[in-house]
């Protein structure tokens, strides 16, 4: 029955009644040591209090900024590197890796830095508007692939 439930013997013990005299084992300083801020009544201070030093929260710049945890990272390729290293033709990401224009396994983004005069057809993961316009102006095409 519920009224008969008791804790196991030895599993509980009486709490220490501090500040009830020396015979109780917690008299005089009542477990607070001797003197000092921690021994006084109402001793606590607010979270982040650093003893009068300017707290960390106030030492930080006012506007922190933001790091997007879902940011898409690309390896980017500018038009000028394509102009210097490629002949007219069709290239996909594997071909760009083989020619060492792309060196990592990140998705590839085409950027519009430089000029392009050769007719090049590219398959990349992303392209800026200016890069796409420059390739199409030179007579080529940009195809966006979604294999990642």
C-alpha atoms as a PDB file:
ATOM      1  CA  UNK A   1       0.000   0.000   0.000  1.00  0.00           C
ATOM      2  CA  UNK A   2       1.113   3.569  -0.679  1.00  0.00           C
ATOM      3  CA  UNK A   3       0.897   4.565   2.984  1.00  0.00           C
ATOM      4  CA  UNK A   4       3.406   1.828   3.847  1.00  0.00           C
ATOM      5  CA  UNK A   5       6.151   2.990   1.410  1.00  0.00           C
ATOM      6  CA  UNK A   6       9.401   4.020   3.085  1.00  0.00           C
ATOM      7  CA  UNK A   7      12.859   4.832   1.661  1.00  0.00           C
ATOM      8  CA  UNK A   8      15.458   2.091   1.911  1.00  0.00           C
ATOM      9  CA  UNK A   9      17.383   2.169   5.186  1.00  0.00           C
ATOM     10  CA  UNK A  10      20.457   4.428   4.876  1.00  0.00           C
ATOM     11  CA  UNK A  11      19.322   6.048   1.626  1.00  0.00           C
ATOM     12  CA  UNK A  12      18.180   9.266   3.286  1.00  0.00           C
ATOM     13  CA  UNK A  13      19.548  11.349   6.107  1.00  0.00           C
ATOM     14  CA  UNK A  14      18.386  14.387   8.025  1.00  0.00           C
ATOM     15  CA  UNK A  15      19.388  17.775   6.597  1.00  0.00           C
ATOM     16  CA  UNK A  16      21.931  19.915   8.434  1.00  0.00           C
ATOM     17  CA  UNK A  17      20.172  22.758  10.271  1.00  0.00           C
ATOM     18  CA  UNK A  18      22.756  25.528   9.934  1.00  0.00           C
ATOM     19  CA  UNK A  19      22.826  28.591  12.184  1.00  0.00           C
ATOM     20  CA  UNK A  20      21.079  26.774  15.038  1.00  0.00           C
ATOM     21  CA  UNK A  21      23.950  26.931  17.529  1.00  0.00           C
ATOM     22  CA  UNK A  22      27.313  25.246  17.885  1.00  0.00           C
ATOM     23  CA  UNK A  23      25.868  22.045  19.302  1.00  0.00           C
ATOM     24  CA  UNK A  24      23.996  21.544  16.006  1.00  0.00           C
ATOM     25  CA  UNK A  25      27.313  21.521  14.101  1.00  0.00           C
ATOM     26  CA  UNK A  26      26.484  24.561  11.983  1.00  0.00           C
ATOM     27  CA  UNK A  27      26.699  27.456  14.417  1.00  0.00           C
ATOM     28  CA  UNK A  28      28.945  30.540  14.584  1.00  0.00           C
ATOM     29  CA  UNK A  29      29.676  31.067  10.858  1.00  0.00           C
ATOM     30  CA  UNK A  30      26.979  28.587   9.693  1.00  0.00           C
ATOM     31  CA  UNK A  31      29.171  27.067   6.987  1.00  0.00           C
ATOM     32  CA  UNK A  32      29.986  30.391   5.330  1.00  0.00           C
ATOM     33  CA  UNK A  33      33.608  30.693   6.382  1.00  0.00           C
ATOM     34  CA  UNK A  34      34.852  33.836   8.107  1.00  0.00           C
ATOM     35  CA  UNK A  35      33.925  37.366   7.010  1.00  0.00           C
ATOM     36  CA  UNK A  36      33.934  38.612   3.445  1.00  0.00           C
ATOM     37  CA  UNK A  37      31.247  39.258   0.875  1.00  0.00           C
ATOM     38  CA  UNK A  38      30.224  35.597   0.686  1.00  0.00           C
ATOM     39  CA  UNK A  39      29.564  35.453   4.438  1.00  0.00           C
ATOM     40  CA  UNK A  40      27.043  38.310   4.435  1.00  0.00           C
ATOM     41  CA  UNK A  41      23.285  38.119   4.143  1.00  0.00           C
ATOM     42  CA  UNK A  42      21.998  38.746   0.608  1.00  0.00           C
ATOM     43  CA  UNK A  43      25.423  37.824  -0.715  1.00  0.00           C
ATOM     44  CA  UNK A  44      24.454  36.817  -4.260  1.00  0.00           C
ATOM     45  CA  UNK A  45      25.075  39.037  -7.248  1.00  0.00           C
ATOM     46  CA  UNK A  46      23.527  38.958 -10.664  1.00  0.00           C
ATOM     47  CA  UNK A  47      24.616  36.618 -13.428  1.00  0.00           C
ATOM     48  CA  UNK A  48      27.667  37.958 -15.240  1.00  0.00           C
ATOM     49  CA  UNK A  49      28.812  40.219 -12.381  1.00  0.00           C
ATOM     50  CA  UNK A  50      32.606  40.573 -12.464  1.00  0.00           C
ATOM     51  CA  UNK A  51      33.319  42.358  -9.217  1.00  0.00           C
ATOM     52  CA  UNK A  52      33.004  45.879 -10.600  1.00  0.00           C
ATOM     53  CA  UNK A  53      35.050  45.232 -13.740  1.00  0.00           C
ATOM     54  CA  UNK A  54      33.164  46.106 -16.949  1.00  0.00           C
ATOM     55  CA  UNK A  55      31.308  42.852 -17.644  1.00  0.00           C
ATOM     56  CA  UNK A  56      31.969  40.760 -20.739  1.00  0.00           C
ATOM     57  CA  UNK A  57      28.525  41.499 -22.145  1.00  0.00           C
ATOM     58  CA  UNK A  58      29.327  45.240 -22.113  1.00  0.00           C
ATOM     59  CA  UNK A  59      32.841  44.794 -23.515  1.00  0.00           C
ATOM     60  CA  UNK A  60      31.462  43.143 -26.644  1.00  0.00           C
ATOM     61  CA  UNK A  61      30.602  45.181 -29.748  1.00  0.00           C
ATOM     62  CA  UNK A  62      26.970  46.251 -29.803  1.00  0.00           C
ATOM     63  CA  UNK A  63      25.993  44.615 -33.081  1.00  0.00           C
ATOM     64  CA  UNK A  64      27.452  41.127 -33.300  1.00  0.00           C
ATOM     65  CA  UNK A  65      26.611  39.938 -36.779  1.00  0.00           C
ATOM     66  CA  UNK A  66      25.505  36.529 -37.901  1.00  0.00           C
ATOM     67  CA  UNK A  67      27.080  33.342 -39.236  1.00  0.00           C
ATOM     68  CA  UNK A  68      24.698  31.329 -41.334  1.00  0.00           C
ATOM     69  CA  UNK A  69      25.047  27.620 -40.397  1.00  0.00           C
ATOM     70  CA  UNK A  70      23.488  26.572 -43.732  1.00  0.00           C
ATOM     71  CA  UNK A  71      25.767  28.678 -45.917  1.00  0.00           C
ATOM     72  CA  UNK A  72      26.498  27.133 -49.311  1.00  0.00           C
ATOM     73  CA  UNK A  73      30.222  27.048 -50.001  1.00  0.00           C
ATOM     74  CA  UNK A  74      31.419  27.164 -53.599  1.00  0.00           C
ATOM     75  CA  UNK A  75      34.720  27.032 -55.390  1.00  0.00           C
ATOM     76  CA  UNK A  76      34.490  29.953 -57.759  1.00  0.00           C
ATOM     77  CA  UNK A  77      35.947  30.334 -61.225  1.00  0.00           C
ATOM     78  CA  UNK A  78      36.327  33.719 -62.926  1.00  0.00           C
ATOM     79  CA  UNK A  79      35.934  34.313 -66.651  1.00  0.00           C
ATOM     80  CA  UNK A  80      39.541  35.502 -66.936  1.00  0.00           C
ATOM     81  CA  UNK A  81      40.885  32.078 -65.901  1.00  0.00           C
ATOM     82  CA  UNK A  82      38.649  30.406 -68.502  1.00  0.00           C
ATOM     83  CA  UNK A  83      39.870  32.862 -71.146  1.00  0.00           C
ATOM     84  CA  UNK A  84      43.511  32.094 -70.308  1.00  0.00           C
ATOM     85  CA  UNK A  85      43.327  28.308 -69.948  1.00  0.00           C
ATOM     86  CA  UNK A  86      40.538  27.039 -72.221  1.00  0.00           C
ATOM     87  CA  UNK A  87      39.957  26.765 -75.941  1.00  0.00           C
ATOM     88  CA  UNK A  88      36.499  27.009 -77.485  1.00  0.00           C
ATOM     89  CA  UNK A  89      34.407  23.933 -76.669  1.00  0.00           C
ATOM     90  CA  UNK A  90      32.177  22.242 -74.119  1.00  0.00           C
ATOM     91  CA  UNK A  91      33.313  21.717 -70.531  1.00  0.00           C
ATOM     92  CA  UNK A  92      31.716  20.156 -67.496  1.00  0.00           C
ATOM     93  CA  UNK A  93      32.942  20.097 -63.896  1.00  0.00           C
ATOM     94  CA  UNK A  94      34.971  16.898 -64.384  1.00  0.00           C
ATOM     95  CA  UNK A  95      36.781  18.483 -67.346  1.00  0.00           C
ATOM     96  CA  UNK A  96      37.525  21.626 -65.326  1.00  0.00           C
ATOM     97  CA  UNK A  97      38.954  19.451 -62.548  1.00  0.00           C
ATOM     98  CA  UNK A  98      41.106  17.534 -65.024  1.00  0.00           C
ATOM     99  CA  UNK A  99      42.503  20.824 -66.358  1.00  0.00           C
ATOM    100  CA  UNK A 100      43.192  21.943 -62.734  1.00  0.00           C
ATOM    101  CA  UNK A 101      40.970  25.011 -63.057  1.00  0.00           C
ATOM    102  CA  UNK A 102      38.826  23.550 -60.263  1.00  0.00           C
ATOM    103  CA  UNK A 103      40.862  21.966 -57.489  1.00  0.00           C
ATOM    104  CA  UNK A 104      38.430  20.978 -54.722  1.00  0.00           C
ATOM    105  CA  UNK A 105      35.317  18.838 -54.418  1.00  0.00           C
ATOM    106  CA  UNK A 106      33.124  21.838 -53.586  1.00  0.00           C
ATOM    107  CA  UNK A 107      30.322  22.882 -55.933  1.00  0.00           C
ATOM    108  CA  UNK A 108      31.548  25.209 -58.704  1.00  0.00           C
ATOM    109  CA  UNK A 109      30.271  28.756 -59.240  1.00  0.00           C
ATOM    110  CA  UNK A 110      31.108  30.837 -62.286  1.00  0.00           C
ATOM    111  CA  UNK A 111      31.820  34.519 -61.568  1.00  0.00           C
ATOM    112  CA  UNK A 112      32.059  37.423 -63.991  1.00  0.00           C
ATOM    113  CA  UNK A 113      35.595  38.643 -63.269  1.00  0.00           C
ATOM    114  CA  UNK A 114      37.400  39.494 -66.513  1.00  0.00           C
ATOM    115  CA  UNK A 115      36.256  39.172 -70.105  1.00  0.00           C
ATOM    116  CA  UNK A 116      35.534  36.216 -72.381  1.00  0.00           C
ATOM    117  CA  UNK A 117      35.965  36.156 -76.154  1.00  0.00           C
ATOM    118  CA  UNK A 118      35.840  32.386 -76.844  1.00  0.00           C
ATOM    119  CA  UNK A 119      32.699  30.330 -77.487  1.00  0.00           C
ATOM    120  CA  UNK A 120      32.576  28.095 -74.403  1.00  0.00           C
ATOM    121  CA  UNK A 121      29.699  25.913 -73.184  1.00  0.00           C
ATOM    122  CA  UNK A 122      29.881  25.242 -69.445  1.00  0.00           C
ATOM    123  CA  UNK A 123      28.062  22.992 -66.974  1.00  0.00           C
ATOM    124  CA  UNK A 124      28.464  24.337 -63.423  1.00  0.00           C
ATOM    125  CA  UNK A 125      26.513  24.309 -60.152  1.00  0.00           C
ATOM    126  CA  UNK A 126      25.885  28.076 -60.098  1.00  0.00           C
ATOM    127  CA  UNK A 127      26.705  31.226 -62.063  1.00  0.00           C
ATOM    128  CA  UNK A 128      26.374  34.937 -61.447  1.00  0.00           C
ATOM    129  CA  UNK A 129      24.154  36.973 -63.766  1.00  0.00           C
ATOM    130  CA  UNK A 130      27.116  38.904 -65.159  1.00  0.00           C
ATOM    131  CA  UNK A 131      29.070  35.710 -65.876  1.00  0.00           C
ATOM    132  CA  UNK A 132      26.114  34.097 -67.618  1.00  0.00           C
ATOM    133  CA  UNK A 133      25.572  37.219 -69.723  1.00  0.00           C
ATOM    134  CA  UNK A 134      29.257  37.397 -70.703  1.00  0.00           C
ATOM    135  CA  UNK A 135      29.372  33.718 -71.770  1.00  0.00           C
ATOM    136  CA  UNK A 136      26.176  34.090 -73.814  1.00  0.00           C
ATOM    137  CA  UNK A 137      27.492  37.299 -75.390  1.00  0.00           C
ATOM    138  CA  UNK A 138      30.593  35.378 -76.542  1.00  0.00           C
ATOM    139  CA  UNK A 139      28.305  32.760 -78.133  1.00  0.00           C
ATOM    140  CA  UNK A 140      28.479  30.088 -75.434  1.00  0.00           C
ATOM    141  CA  UNK A 141      25.991  28.640 -72.976  1.00  0.00           C
ATOM    142  CA  UNK A 142      25.883  28.090 -69.222  1.00  0.00           C
ATOM    143  CA  UNK A 143      24.025  25.036 -67.909  1.00  0.00           C
ATOM    144  CA  UNK A 144      23.251  24.796 -64.185  1.00  0.00           C
ATOM    145  CA  UNK A 145      23.573  21.231 -62.849  1.00  0.00           C
ATOM    146  CA  UNK A 146      22.058  20.076 -59.553  1.00  0.00           C
ATOM    147  CA  UNK A 147      24.087  16.997 -58.618  1.00  0.00           C
ATOM    148  CA  UNK A 148      24.917  18.257 -55.107  1.00  0.00           C
END
